[in-house]
């Protein structure tokens, strides 16, 4: 590299800066955009539940897709940091200890349930995969309660022990199951997205 040349932008910095330029707080928005372009899960006027919504990139993008005739609800241990439109709301709650009854206030079933939840990582692949699996199992339990017939479910999971069994569980509840690795995910990342379509 010559003196005065700019150092190539690291992968994560590139996506982070692109997200912020577009008005999103985190680069995770690109993953949902890839899923949406491929599978067209979220449509105008639909009702979307976003589990693990902080800092709010998926929440905001989903709200843009549904438009003001839709409804987007987010839940996370941490507050969302984005300015949300009137048809979107974020709640601070522990998904693992809460049940889906807090959603009764909306008096509706959801068309799409999203889960980009990830555990605090330890560096131990087996421990991290087990923690990710626990979050996914909770997300699926909520989806079973809250999704309307024909609805869709998107869930991030760390590949590891229990992955195949969890995939089979999703497959039993939906007409179609897709396994998707976004290009915007780090190549070394073990995260994978399971996409269930057509809730039975």
N, C-alpha and C. Protein backbone atom coordinates (compact mmCIF):
# COMPACT_ATOMS: atom_id res chain seq x y z
N UNK A 1 0.85 -1.20 0.00
CA UNK A 1 0.00 0.00 0.00
C UNK A 1 0.88 1.25 0.00
N UNK A 2 0.64 2.18 -0.91
CA UNK A 2 1.44 3.40 -0.98
C UNK A 2 1.05 4.35 0.14
N UNK A 3 2.01 5.16 0.54
CA UNK A 3 1.72 6.19 1.54
C UNK A 3 0.67 7.14 0.98
N UNK A 4 -0.31 7.42 1.77
CA UNK A 4 -1.38 8.32 1.34
C UNK A 4 -2.59 7.60 0.79
N UNK A 5 -2.42 6.31 0.46
CA UNK A 5 -3.58 5.54 0.00
C UNK A 5 -4.49 5.21 1.17
N UNK A 6 -5.77 5.18 0.91
CA UNK A 6 -6.73 4.82 1.95
C UNK A 6 -6.70 3.33 2.18
N UNK A 7 -6.75 2.94 3.43
CA UNK A 7 -6.83 1.53 3.78
C UNK A 7 -8.19 0.99 3.36
N UNK A 8 -8.24 -0.17 2.71
CA UNK A 8 -9.55 -0.73 2.32
C UNK A 8 -10.48 -0.84 3.52
N UNK A 9 -11.73 -0.48 3.29
CA UNK A 9 -12.69 -0.50 4.38
C UNK A 9 -13.01 -1.93 4.79
N UNK A 10 -12.90 -2.26 6.09
CA UNK A 10 -13.25 -3.60 6.54
C UNK A 10 -14.69 -3.92 6.17
N UNK A 11 -14.95 -5.22 5.98
CA UNK A 11 -16.28 -5.69 5.57
C UNK A 11 -17.37 -5.12 6.44
N UNK A 12 -17.21 -5.25 7.77
CA UNK A 12 -18.27 -4.83 8.69
C UNK A 12 -18.45 -3.32 8.67
N UNK A 13 -17.33 -2.57 8.56
CA UNK A 13 -17.43 -1.12 8.52
C UNK A 13 -18.17 -0.66 7.27
N UNK A 14 -17.91 -1.32 6.16
CA UNK A 14 -18.58 -0.96 4.90
C UNK A 14 -20.09 -1.08 5.04
N UNK A 15 -20.55 -2.22 5.54
CA UNK A 15 -21.99 -2.43 5.68
C UNK A 15 -22.59 -1.52 6.74
N UNK A 16 -21.84 -1.29 7.81
CA UNK A 16 -22.33 -0.40 8.87
C UNK A 16 -22.50 1.01 8.34
N UNK A 17 -21.51 1.50 7.62
CA UNK A 17 -21.59 2.86 7.09
C UNK A 17 -22.70 2.99 6.05
N UNK A 18 -22.85 1.96 5.22
CA UNK A 18 -23.92 1.99 4.22
C UNK A 18 -25.29 2.02 4.89
N UNK A 19 -25.43 1.26 5.97
CA UNK A 19 -26.71 1.25 6.69
C UNK A 19 -27.01 2.62 7.27
N UNK A 20 -26.03 3.22 7.90
CA UNK A 20 -26.25 4.53 8.53
C UNK A 20 -26.53 5.61 7.50
N UNK A 21 -25.89 5.52 6.35
CA UNK A 21 -26.17 6.48 5.28
C UNK A 21 -27.62 6.36 4.81
N UNK A 22 -28.15 5.15 4.92
CA UNK A 22 -29.53 4.90 4.49
C UNK A 22 -30.55 5.13 5.60
N UNK A 23 -30.06 5.52 6.79
CA UNK A 23 -30.97 5.83 7.89
C UNK A 23 -31.28 4.69 8.83
N UNK A 24 -30.49 3.61 8.75
CA UNK A 24 -30.69 2.46 9.64
C UNK A 24 -29.54 2.38 10.65
N UNK A 25 -29.82 1.99 11.89
CA UNK A 25 -28.78 1.99 12.92
C UNK A 25 -27.80 0.83 12.84
N UNK A 26 -28.11 -0.22 12.09
CA UNK A 26 -27.23 -1.40 12.07
C UNK A 26 -27.26 -2.05 10.69
N UNK A 27 -26.16 -2.72 10.35
CA UNK A 27 -26.03 -3.35 9.03
C UNK A 27 -26.92 -4.58 8.87
N UNK A 28 -27.52 -5.04 9.97
CA UNK A 28 -28.41 -6.22 9.88
C UNK A 28 -29.57 -5.99 8.92
N UNK A 29 -29.86 -4.72 8.62
CA UNK A 29 -30.96 -4.43 7.70
C UNK A 29 -30.74 -5.08 6.34
N UNK A 30 -29.47 -5.19 5.93
CA UNK A 30 -29.20 -5.76 4.61
C UNK A 30 -29.58 -7.24 4.54
N UNK A 31 -29.51 -7.92 5.68
CA UNK A 31 -29.89 -9.34 5.70
C UNK A 31 -31.39 -9.50 5.45
N UNK A 32 -32.18 -8.65 6.11
CA UNK A 32 -33.62 -8.71 5.89
C UNK A 32 -33.97 -8.27 4.47
N UNK A 33 -33.24 -7.29 3.96
CA UNK A 33 -33.49 -6.86 2.59
C UNK A 33 -33.24 -8.00 1.60
N UNK A 34 -32.19 -8.77 1.83
CA UNK A 34 -31.91 -9.92 0.96
C UNK A 34 -33.02 -10.96 1.05
N UNK A 35 -33.47 -11.22 2.27
CA UNK A 35 -34.56 -12.18 2.46
C UNK A 35 -35.83 -11.69 1.77
N UNK A 36 -36.11 -10.41 1.90
CA UNK A 36 -37.31 -9.83 1.30
C UNK A 36 -37.24 -9.88 -0.23
N UNK A 37 -36.09 -9.56 -0.79
CA UNK A 37 -35.95 -9.59 -2.25
C UNK A 37 -36.16 -11.00 -2.80
N UNK A 38 -35.72 -11.98 -2.05
CA UNK A 38 -35.80 -13.36 -2.53
C UNK A 38 -37.17 -13.98 -2.31
N UNK A 39 -37.80 -13.66 -1.17
CA UNK A 39 -39.02 -14.38 -0.79
C UNK A 39 -40.27 -13.50 -0.67
N UNK A 40 -40.13 -12.18 -0.69
CA UNK A 40 -41.28 -11.27 -0.68
C UNK A 40 -42.25 -11.59 0.46
N UNK A 41 -41.71 -11.69 1.66
CA UNK A 41 -42.53 -12.10 2.80
C UNK A 41 -43.45 -11.00 3.32
N UNK A 42 -42.95 -9.77 3.34
CA UNK A 42 -43.68 -8.66 3.95
C UNK A 42 -44.35 -7.83 2.86
N UNK A 43 -45.65 -7.62 3.01
CA UNK A 43 -46.41 -6.88 2.01
C UNK A 43 -47.15 -5.72 2.67
N UNK A 44 -47.59 -4.79 1.84
CA UNK A 44 -48.30 -3.63 2.33
C UNK A 44 -49.54 -4.00 3.12
N UNK A 45 -49.75 -3.32 4.25
CA UNK A 45 -50.92 -3.55 5.07
C UNK A 45 -50.83 -4.73 6.01
N UNK A 46 -49.71 -5.44 6.01
CA UNK A 46 -49.59 -6.61 6.87
C UNK A 46 -49.19 -6.25 8.30
N UNK A 47 -49.30 -7.26 9.18
CA UNK A 47 -48.95 -7.11 10.59
C UNK A 47 -47.70 -7.94 10.86
N UNK A 48 -46.67 -7.29 11.38
CA UNK A 48 -45.36 -7.92 11.55
C UNK A 48 -44.92 -7.82 13.01
N UNK A 49 -44.43 -8.93 13.53
CA UNK A 49 -43.86 -8.98 14.88
C UNK A 49 -42.36 -9.22 14.75
N UNK A 50 -41.57 -8.34 15.36
CA UNK A 50 -40.11 -8.40 15.27
C UNK A 50 -39.54 -8.70 16.65
N UNK A 51 -39.05 -9.92 16.85
CA UNK A 51 -38.47 -10.34 18.12
C UNK A 51 -36.97 -10.08 18.12
N UNK A 52 -36.49 -9.41 19.15
CA UNK A 52 -35.08 -9.01 19.18
C UNK A 52 -34.85 -7.82 18.27
N UNK A 53 -35.71 -6.82 18.40
CA UNK A 53 -35.78 -5.73 17.42
C UNK A 53 -34.69 -4.67 17.55
N UNK A 54 -34.05 -4.55 18.72
CA UNK A 54 -33.05 -3.49 18.90
C UNK A 54 -31.82 -3.75 18.03
N UNK A 55 -31.19 -2.71 17.51
CA UNK A 55 -31.49 -1.29 17.71
C UNK A 55 -32.63 -0.74 16.86
N UNK A 56 -33.16 -1.53 15.93
CA UNK A 56 -34.35 -1.11 15.23
C UNK A 56 -34.31 -1.14 13.72
N UNK A 57 -33.24 -1.67 13.14
CA UNK A 57 -33.13 -1.68 11.67
C UNK A 57 -34.21 -2.51 11.01
N UNK A 58 -34.41 -3.74 11.50
CA UNK A 58 -35.46 -4.59 10.93
C UNK A 58 -36.84 -3.99 11.17
N UNK A 59 -37.03 -3.43 12.34
CA UNK A 59 -38.30 -2.82 12.71
C UNK A 59 -38.66 -1.69 11.74
N UNK A 60 -37.68 -0.83 11.50
CA UNK A 60 -37.91 0.31 10.61
C UNK A 60 -38.14 -0.14 9.17
N UNK A 61 -37.34 -1.08 8.71
CA UNK A 61 -37.49 -1.57 7.33
C UNK A 61 -38.85 -2.27 7.15
N UNK A 62 -39.24 -3.07 8.13
CA UNK A 62 -40.55 -3.73 8.05
C UNK A 62 -41.68 -2.70 8.01
N UNK A 63 -41.54 -1.63 8.79
CA UNK A 63 -42.56 -0.58 8.80
C UNK A 63 -42.66 0.11 7.45
N UNK A 64 -41.53 0.26 6.78
CA UNK A 64 -41.54 0.85 5.44
C UNK A 64 -42.27 -0.07 4.46
N UNK A 65 -42.06 -1.36 4.61
CA UNK A 65 -42.68 -2.32 3.69
C UNK A 65 -44.19 -2.43 3.89
N UNK A 66 -44.63 -2.39 5.14
CA UNK A 66 -46.07 -2.54 5.40
C UNK A 66 -46.84 -1.27 5.06
N UNK A 67 -46.18 -0.11 5.17
CA UNK A 67 -46.88 1.14 4.98
C UNK A 67 -47.76 1.46 6.17
N UNK A 68 -48.39 2.63 6.14
CA UNK A 68 -49.14 3.10 7.31
C UNK A 68 -50.45 2.34 7.54
N UNK A 69 -50.83 1.47 6.63
CA UNK A 69 -52.01 0.63 6.86
C UNK A 69 -51.64 -0.68 7.54
N UNK A 70 -50.36 -0.90 7.76
CA UNK A 70 -49.90 -2.10 8.44
C UNK A 70 -49.68 -1.85 9.92
N UNK A 71 -49.13 -2.86 10.59
CA UNK A 71 -48.80 -2.77 12.01
C UNK A 71 -47.49 -3.52 12.23
N UNK A 72 -46.54 -2.87 12.88
CA UNK A 72 -45.26 -3.50 13.17
C UNK A 72 -44.97 -3.35 14.66
N UNK A 73 -44.74 -4.47 15.33
CA UNK A 73 -44.49 -4.48 16.77
C UNK A 73 -43.13 -5.14 17.02
N UNK A 74 -42.29 -4.47 17.80
CA UNK A 74 -40.98 -5.01 18.13
C UNK A 74 -40.83 -5.25 19.62
N UNK A 75 -40.03 -6.25 19.98
CA UNK A 75 -39.77 -6.58 21.38
C UNK A 75 -38.28 -6.88 21.53
N UNK A 76 -37.68 -6.34 22.59
CA UNK A 76 -36.26 -6.61 22.86
C UNK A 76 -35.95 -6.25 24.30
N UNK A 77 -34.85 -6.81 24.80
CA UNK A 77 -34.36 -6.44 26.13
C UNK A 77 -33.90 -4.99 26.16
N UNK A 78 -33.44 -4.50 25.00
CA UNK A 78 -32.95 -3.13 24.90
C UNK A 78 -33.93 -2.30 24.07
N UNK A 79 -33.98 -1.00 24.33
CA UNK A 79 -34.90 -0.15 23.55
C UNK A 79 -34.40 0.06 22.12
N UNK A 80 -35.33 0.23 21.21
CA UNK A 80 -34.98 0.60 19.84
C UNK A 80 -34.52 2.05 19.83
N UNK A 81 -33.58 2.37 18.96
CA UNK A 81 -33.01 3.72 18.95
C UNK A 81 -33.43 4.51 17.72
N UNK A 82 -34.41 4.01 17.00
CA UNK A 82 -34.85 4.68 15.77
C UNK A 82 -36.17 5.41 16.01
N UNK A 83 -36.39 6.43 15.18
CA UNK A 83 -37.66 7.13 15.19
C UNK A 83 -38.65 6.31 14.37
N UNK A 84 -39.71 5.85 15.00
CA UNK A 84 -40.64 4.96 14.33
C UNK A 84 -41.89 5.70 13.86
N UNK A 85 -42.47 5.26 12.76
CA UNK A 85 -43.75 5.85 12.32
C UNK A 85 -44.87 5.42 13.25
N UNK A 86 -46.03 6.01 13.08
CA UNK A 86 -47.15 5.77 14.00
C UNK A 86 -47.65 4.33 13.99
N UNK A 87 -47.45 3.62 12.91
CA UNK A 87 -47.96 2.25 12.83
C UNK A 87 -46.94 1.22 13.34
N UNK A 88 -45.87 1.69 13.99
CA UNK A 88 -44.86 0.79 14.55
C UNK A 88 -44.61 1.15 16.01
N UNK A 89 -44.31 0.12 16.81
CA UNK A 89 -44.05 0.34 18.24
C UNK A 89 -43.04 -0.69 18.72
N UNK A 90 -42.23 -0.29 19.71
CA UNK A 90 -41.23 -1.20 20.28
C UNK A 90 -41.43 -1.29 21.78
N UNK A 91 -41.32 -2.50 22.32
CA UNK A 91 -41.49 -2.75 23.74
C UNK A 91 -40.22 -3.38 24.31
N UNK A 92 -39.91 -3.01 25.55
CA UNK A 92 -38.77 -3.60 26.25
C UNK A 92 -39.28 -4.74 27.12
N UNK A 93 -38.85 -5.96 26.81
CA UNK A 93 -39.28 -7.15 27.55
C UNK A 93 -38.30 -8.28 27.30
N UNK A 94 -38.26 -9.23 28.22
CA UNK A 94 -37.41 -10.41 28.10
C UNK A 94 -38.22 -11.51 27.42
N UNK A 95 -37.86 -11.81 26.19
CA UNK A 95 -38.60 -12.81 25.41
C UNK A 95 -38.61 -14.17 26.10
N UNK A 96 -37.49 -14.54 26.71
CA UNK A 96 -37.39 -15.87 27.31
C UNK A 96 -38.30 -16.04 28.51
N UNK A 97 -38.54 -14.96 29.26
CA UNK A 97 -39.37 -15.08 30.46
C UNK A 97 -40.82 -14.67 30.22
N UNK A 98 -41.06 -13.97 29.11
CA UNK A 98 -42.42 -13.50 28.82
C UNK A 98 -43.17 -14.54 28.00
N UNK A 99 -44.50 -14.50 28.11
CA UNK A 99 -45.30 -15.31 27.19
C UNK A 99 -45.92 -14.36 26.16
N UNK A 100 -46.67 -14.90 25.26
CA UNK A 100 -47.20 -14.07 24.17
C UNK A 100 -48.44 -13.29 24.57
N UNK A 101 -48.85 -13.36 25.84
CA UNK A 101 -50.09 -12.69 26.24
C UNK A 101 -49.99 -11.17 26.14
N UNK A 102 -48.75 -10.62 26.22
CA UNK A 102 -48.62 -9.17 26.13
C UNK A 102 -49.03 -8.66 24.74
N UNK A 103 -49.10 -9.57 23.77
CA UNK A 103 -49.51 -9.18 22.43
C UNK A 103 -51.03 -9.14 22.28
N UNK A 104 -51.75 -9.58 23.31
CA UNK A 104 -53.22 -9.59 23.25
C UNK A 104 -53.79 -8.20 23.07
N UNK A 105 -53.04 -7.18 23.52
CA UNK A 105 -53.53 -5.81 23.43
C UNK A 105 -53.76 -5.38 21.97
N UNK A 106 -53.10 -6.04 21.04
CA UNK A 106 -53.26 -5.66 19.64
C UNK A 106 -54.45 -6.34 18.98
N UNK A 107 -55.03 -7.32 19.68
CA UNK A 107 -56.25 -7.99 19.21
C UNK A 107 -56.13 -8.43 17.75
N UNK A 108 -55.01 -9.01 17.42
CA UNK A 108 -54.81 -9.45 16.05
C UNK A 108 -53.79 -10.58 15.99
N UNK A 109 -53.85 -11.35 14.93
CA UNK A 109 -52.78 -12.29 14.60
C UNK A 109 -51.81 -11.58 13.66
N UNK A 110 -50.59 -12.03 13.64
CA UNK A 110 -49.58 -11.41 12.79
C UNK A 110 -49.39 -12.22 11.51
N UNK A 111 -49.03 -11.52 10.44
CA UNK A 111 -48.78 -12.17 9.16
C UNK A 111 -47.34 -12.67 9.04
N UNK A 112 -46.44 -11.99 9.73
CA UNK A 112 -45.02 -12.35 9.69
C UNK A 112 -44.44 -12.21 11.09
N UNK A 113 -43.68 -13.20 11.52
CA UNK A 113 -42.90 -13.11 12.76
C UNK A 113 -41.43 -13.20 12.39
N UNK A 114 -40.67 -12.18 12.78
CA UNK A 114 -39.23 -12.12 12.52
C UNK A 114 -38.48 -12.31 13.82
N UNK A 115 -37.39 -13.05 13.77
CA UNK A 115 -36.52 -13.16 14.94
C UNK A 115 -35.06 -13.08 14.49
N UNK A 116 -34.44 -11.96 14.82
CA UNK A 116 -33.00 -11.79 14.58
C UNK A 116 -32.25 -11.86 15.91
N UNK A 117 -32.87 -12.52 16.88
CA UNK A 117 -32.28 -12.60 18.22
C UNK A 117 -30.97 -13.38 18.18
N UNK A 118 -30.02 -12.91 18.98
CA UNK A 118 -28.74 -13.61 19.13
C UNK A 118 -28.32 -13.52 20.59
N UNK A 119 -27.72 -14.57 21.11
CA UNK A 119 -27.30 -14.55 22.52
C UNK A 119 -26.01 -13.77 22.70
N UNK A 120 -25.71 -13.41 23.93
CA UNK A 120 -24.37 -12.90 24.24
C UNK A 120 -23.41 -14.06 24.00
N UNK A 121 -22.43 -13.85 23.14
CA UNK A 121 -21.54 -14.95 22.78
C UNK A 121 -20.39 -15.09 23.77
N UNK A 122 -19.92 -16.33 23.91
CA UNK A 122 -18.86 -16.66 24.86
C UNK A 122 -17.55 -17.02 24.17
N UNK A 123 -17.63 -17.30 22.86
CA UNK A 123 -16.46 -17.81 22.16
C UNK A 123 -16.43 -19.32 22.11
N UNK A 124 -17.27 -19.95 22.93
CA UNK A 124 -17.42 -21.41 22.90
C UNK A 124 -18.55 -21.74 21.93
N UNK A 125 -18.22 -22.38 20.82
CA UNK A 125 -19.21 -22.62 19.77
C UNK A 125 -20.40 -23.43 20.25
N UNK A 126 -20.14 -24.42 21.08
CA UNK A 126 -21.23 -25.27 21.56
C UNK A 126 -22.17 -24.51 22.49
N UNK A 127 -21.59 -23.71 23.38
CA UNK A 127 -22.40 -22.90 24.31
C UNK A 127 -23.21 -21.87 23.53
N UNK A 128 -22.56 -21.20 22.60
CA UNK A 128 -23.25 -20.17 21.82
C UNK A 128 -24.38 -20.76 20.99
N UNK A 129 -24.14 -21.94 20.40
CA UNK A 129 -25.18 -22.60 19.60
C UNK A 129 -26.36 -23.01 20.47
N UNK A 130 -26.08 -23.48 21.68
CA UNK A 130 -27.15 -23.89 22.59
C UNK A 130 -27.99 -22.69 23.01
N UNK A 131 -27.33 -21.57 23.27
CA UNK A 131 -28.06 -20.35 23.65
C UNK A 131 -28.90 -19.83 22.48
N UNK A 132 -28.34 -19.89 21.30
CA UNK A 132 -29.09 -19.47 20.12
C UNK A 132 -30.31 -20.36 19.91
N UNK A 133 -30.14 -21.65 20.10
CA UNK A 133 -31.24 -22.60 19.95
C UNK A 133 -32.38 -22.29 20.92
N UNK A 134 -32.04 -21.94 22.16
CA UNK A 134 -33.06 -21.61 23.16
C UNK A 134 -33.89 -20.40 22.71
N UNK A 135 -33.22 -19.41 22.15
CA UNK A 135 -33.94 -18.23 21.65
C UNK A 135 -34.84 -18.60 20.47
N UNK A 136 -34.33 -19.45 19.60
CA UNK A 136 -35.12 -19.87 18.44
C UNK A 136 -36.35 -20.67 18.85
N UNK A 137 -36.18 -21.53 19.83
CA UNK A 137 -37.32 -22.32 20.30
C UNK A 137 -38.40 -21.42 20.89
N UNK A 138 -37.98 -20.38 21.60
CA UNK A 138 -38.96 -19.44 22.15
C UNK A 138 -39.64 -18.66 21.02
N UNK A 139 -38.86 -18.25 20.04
CA UNK A 139 -39.43 -17.52 18.91
C UNK A 139 -40.46 -18.38 18.17
N UNK A 140 -40.15 -19.65 17.99
CA UNK A 140 -41.09 -20.54 17.31
C UNK A 140 -42.36 -20.74 18.13
N UNK A 141 -42.21 -20.84 19.45
CA UNK A 141 -43.38 -20.98 20.32
C UNK A 141 -44.29 -19.76 20.20
N UNK A 142 -43.69 -18.58 20.15
CA UNK A 142 -44.49 -17.36 19.99
C UNK A 142 -45.15 -17.33 18.61
N UNK A 143 -44.40 -17.74 17.59
CA UNK A 143 -44.96 -17.77 16.24
C UNK A 143 -46.16 -18.72 16.16
N UNK A 144 -46.08 -19.84 16.84
CA UNK A 144 -47.21 -20.78 16.84
C UNK A 144 -48.46 -20.14 17.41
N UNK A 145 -48.29 -19.29 18.43
CA UNK A 145 -49.43 -18.64 19.06
C UNK A 145 -49.94 -17.44 18.27
N UNK A 146 -49.02 -16.71 17.65
CA UNK A 146 -49.35 -15.39 17.14
C UNK A 146 -49.51 -15.28 15.64
N UNK A 147 -49.00 -16.27 14.90
CA UNK A 147 -49.07 -16.19 13.44
C UNK A 147 -50.45 -16.59 12.92
N UNK A 148 -50.93 -15.84 11.96
CA UNK A 148 -52.15 -16.21 11.27
C UNK A 148 -51.87 -17.38 10.33
N UNK A 149 -52.89 -18.12 9.99
CA UNK A 149 -52.75 -19.21 9.02
C UNK A 149 -52.19 -18.65 7.72
N UNK A 150 -51.20 -19.34 7.17
CA UNK A 150 -50.56 -18.88 5.94
C UNK A 150 -49.42 -17.92 6.17
N UNK A 151 -49.17 -17.56 7.44
CA UNK A 151 -48.13 -16.59 7.77
C UNK A 151 -46.72 -17.13 7.61
N UNK A 152 -45.75 -16.22 7.76
CA UNK A 152 -44.34 -16.55 7.56
C UNK A 152 -43.52 -16.30 8.82
N UNK A 153 -42.44 -17.05 8.94
CA UNK A 153 -41.56 -17.01 10.12
C UNK A 153 -40.11 -16.97 9.66
N UNK A 154 -39.35 -15.99 10.16
CA UNK A 154 -37.93 -15.87 9.86
C UNK A 154 -37.16 -15.93 11.17
N UNK A 155 -36.18 -16.81 11.24
CA UNK A 155 -35.47 -17.01 12.51
C UNK A 155 -33.98 -17.20 12.28
N UNK A 156 -33.17 -16.38 12.94
CA UNK A 156 -31.72 -16.56 12.89
C UNK A 156 -31.29 -17.61 13.92
N UNK A 157 -30.42 -18.51 13.49
CA UNK A 157 -29.91 -19.54 14.39
C UNK A 157 -28.43 -19.74 14.14
N UNK A 158 -27.67 -20.02 15.18
CA UNK A 158 -26.26 -20.38 15.03
C UNK A 158 -26.19 -21.88 14.74
N UNK A 159 -25.52 -22.24 13.67
CA UNK A 159 -25.43 -23.65 13.31
C UNK A 159 -24.67 -24.42 14.39
N UNK A 160 -25.22 -25.55 14.79
CA UNK A 160 -24.59 -26.38 15.81
C UNK A 160 -25.52 -27.51 16.19
N UNK A 161 -25.24 -28.14 17.31
CA UNK A 161 -26.08 -29.24 17.77
C UNK A 161 -27.51 -28.77 17.99
N UNK A 162 -28.44 -29.52 17.50
CA UNK A 162 -29.85 -29.16 17.63
C UNK A 162 -30.41 -28.47 16.40
N UNK A 163 -29.54 -28.08 15.46
CA UNK A 163 -30.00 -27.37 14.27
C UNK A 163 -30.99 -28.20 13.45
N UNK A 164 -30.63 -29.45 13.19
CA UNK A 164 -31.50 -30.30 12.36
C UNK A 164 -32.85 -30.56 13.03
N UNK A 165 -32.83 -30.80 14.33
CA UNK A 165 -34.08 -31.04 15.04
C UNK A 165 -34.97 -29.80 15.02
N UNK A 166 -34.35 -28.63 15.19
CA UNK A 166 -35.14 -27.39 15.16
C UNK A 166 -35.70 -27.16 13.76
N UNK A 167 -34.89 -27.41 12.75
CA UNK A 167 -35.37 -27.27 11.37
C UNK A 167 -36.58 -28.16 11.13
N UNK A 168 -36.54 -29.37 11.65
CA UNK A 168 -37.67 -30.29 11.51
C UNK A 168 -38.91 -29.75 12.21
N UNK A 169 -38.71 -29.10 13.36
CA UNK A 169 -39.84 -28.52 14.09
C UNK A 169 -40.51 -27.42 13.28
N UNK A 170 -39.69 -26.58 12.66
CA UNK A 170 -40.24 -25.51 11.82
C UNK A 170 -40.97 -26.12 10.62
N UNK A 171 -40.37 -27.13 10.03
CA UNK A 171 -40.95 -27.78 8.85
C UNK A 171 -42.34 -28.36 9.15
N UNK A 172 -42.54 -28.83 10.36
CA UNK A 172 -43.83 -29.41 10.74
C UNK A 172 -44.93 -28.36 10.82
N UNK A 173 -44.54 -27.12 11.11
CA UNK A 173 -45.53 -26.06 11.30
C UNK A 173 -45.82 -25.26 10.04
N UNK A 174 -44.98 -25.44 9.01
CA UNK A 174 -45.12 -24.61 7.80
C UNK A 174 -45.13 -25.49 6.55
N UNK A 175 -45.77 -24.98 5.51
CA UNK A 175 -45.84 -25.72 4.26
C UNK A 175 -44.50 -25.79 3.56
N UNK A 176 -43.66 -24.75 3.79
CA UNK A 176 -42.38 -24.69 3.10
C UNK A 176 -41.31 -24.17 4.06
N UNK A 177 -40.12 -24.74 3.99
CA UNK A 177 -38.99 -24.28 4.80
C UNK A 177 -37.80 -24.01 3.89
N UNK A 178 -37.23 -22.81 4.00
CA UNK A 178 -36.03 -22.45 3.27
C UNK A 178 -34.91 -22.15 4.26
N UNK A 179 -33.71 -22.54 3.90
CA UNK A 179 -32.52 -22.25 4.70
C UNK A 179 -31.68 -21.26 3.91
N UNK A 180 -31.37 -20.12 4.52
CA UNK A 180 -30.80 -19.00 3.77
C UNK A 180 -29.61 -18.39 4.50
N UNK A 181 -28.53 -18.18 3.77
CA UNK A 181 -27.33 -17.51 4.30
C UNK A 181 -27.15 -16.23 3.50
N UNK A 182 -27.46 -15.07 4.09
CA UNK A 182 -27.33 -13.81 3.35
C UNK A 182 -25.89 -13.53 2.94
N UNK A 183 -25.73 -12.89 1.81
CA UNK A 183 -24.39 -12.49 1.38
C UNK A 183 -23.80 -11.46 2.32
N UNK A 184 -24.66 -10.70 2.99
CA UNK A 184 -24.20 -9.66 3.91
C UNK A 184 -23.79 -10.22 5.27
N UNK A 185 -23.94 -11.52 5.47
CA UNK A 185 -23.40 -12.16 6.67
C UNK A 185 -21.90 -12.37 6.47
N UNK A 186 -21.16 -12.31 7.57
CA UNK A 186 -19.74 -12.61 7.47
C UNK A 186 -19.57 -14.06 7.02
N UNK A 187 -18.59 -14.31 6.17
CA UNK A 187 -18.36 -15.67 5.67
C UNK A 187 -18.07 -16.64 6.81
N UNK A 188 -17.36 -16.15 7.84
CA UNK A 188 -16.99 -17.02 8.95
C UNK A 188 -18.12 -17.19 9.97
N UNK A 189 -19.18 -16.41 9.82
CA UNK A 189 -20.28 -16.46 10.79
C UNK A 189 -21.05 -17.77 10.66
N UNK A 190 -21.49 -18.28 11.79
CA UNK A 190 -22.27 -19.52 11.81
C UNK A 190 -23.76 -19.25 11.78
N UNK A 191 -24.14 -17.98 11.61
CA UNK A 191 -25.56 -17.66 11.59
C UNK A 191 -26.20 -18.09 10.27
N UNK A 192 -27.39 -18.63 10.40
CA UNK A 192 -28.19 -19.08 9.27
C UNK A 192 -29.63 -18.65 9.55
N UNK A 193 -30.37 -18.36 8.50
CA UNK A 193 -31.78 -17.99 8.68
C UNK A 193 -32.68 -19.10 8.17
N UNK A 194 -33.60 -19.50 9.03
CA UNK A 194 -34.64 -20.44 8.64
C UNK A 194 -35.89 -19.64 8.29
N UNK A 195 -36.49 -19.95 7.18
CA UNK A 195 -37.66 -19.20 6.70
C UNK A 195 -38.80 -20.18 6.49
N UNK A 196 -39.79 -20.09 7.37
CA UNK A 196 -40.98 -20.93 7.25
C UNK A 196 -42.08 -20.14 6.57
N UNK A 197 -42.67 -20.70 5.54
CA UNK A 197 -43.73 -20.01 4.79
C UNK A 197 -44.99 -20.87 4.72
N UNK A 198 -46.11 -20.23 4.93
CA UNK A 198 -47.39 -20.94 4.88
C UNK A 198 -47.68 -21.69 6.17
N UNK A 199 -47.91 -20.93 7.26
CA UNK A 199 -48.20 -21.59 8.53
C UNK A 199 -49.44 -22.47 8.40
N UNK A 200 -49.33 -23.68 8.89
CA UNK A 200 -50.42 -24.64 8.79
C UNK A 200 -51.51 -24.32 9.81
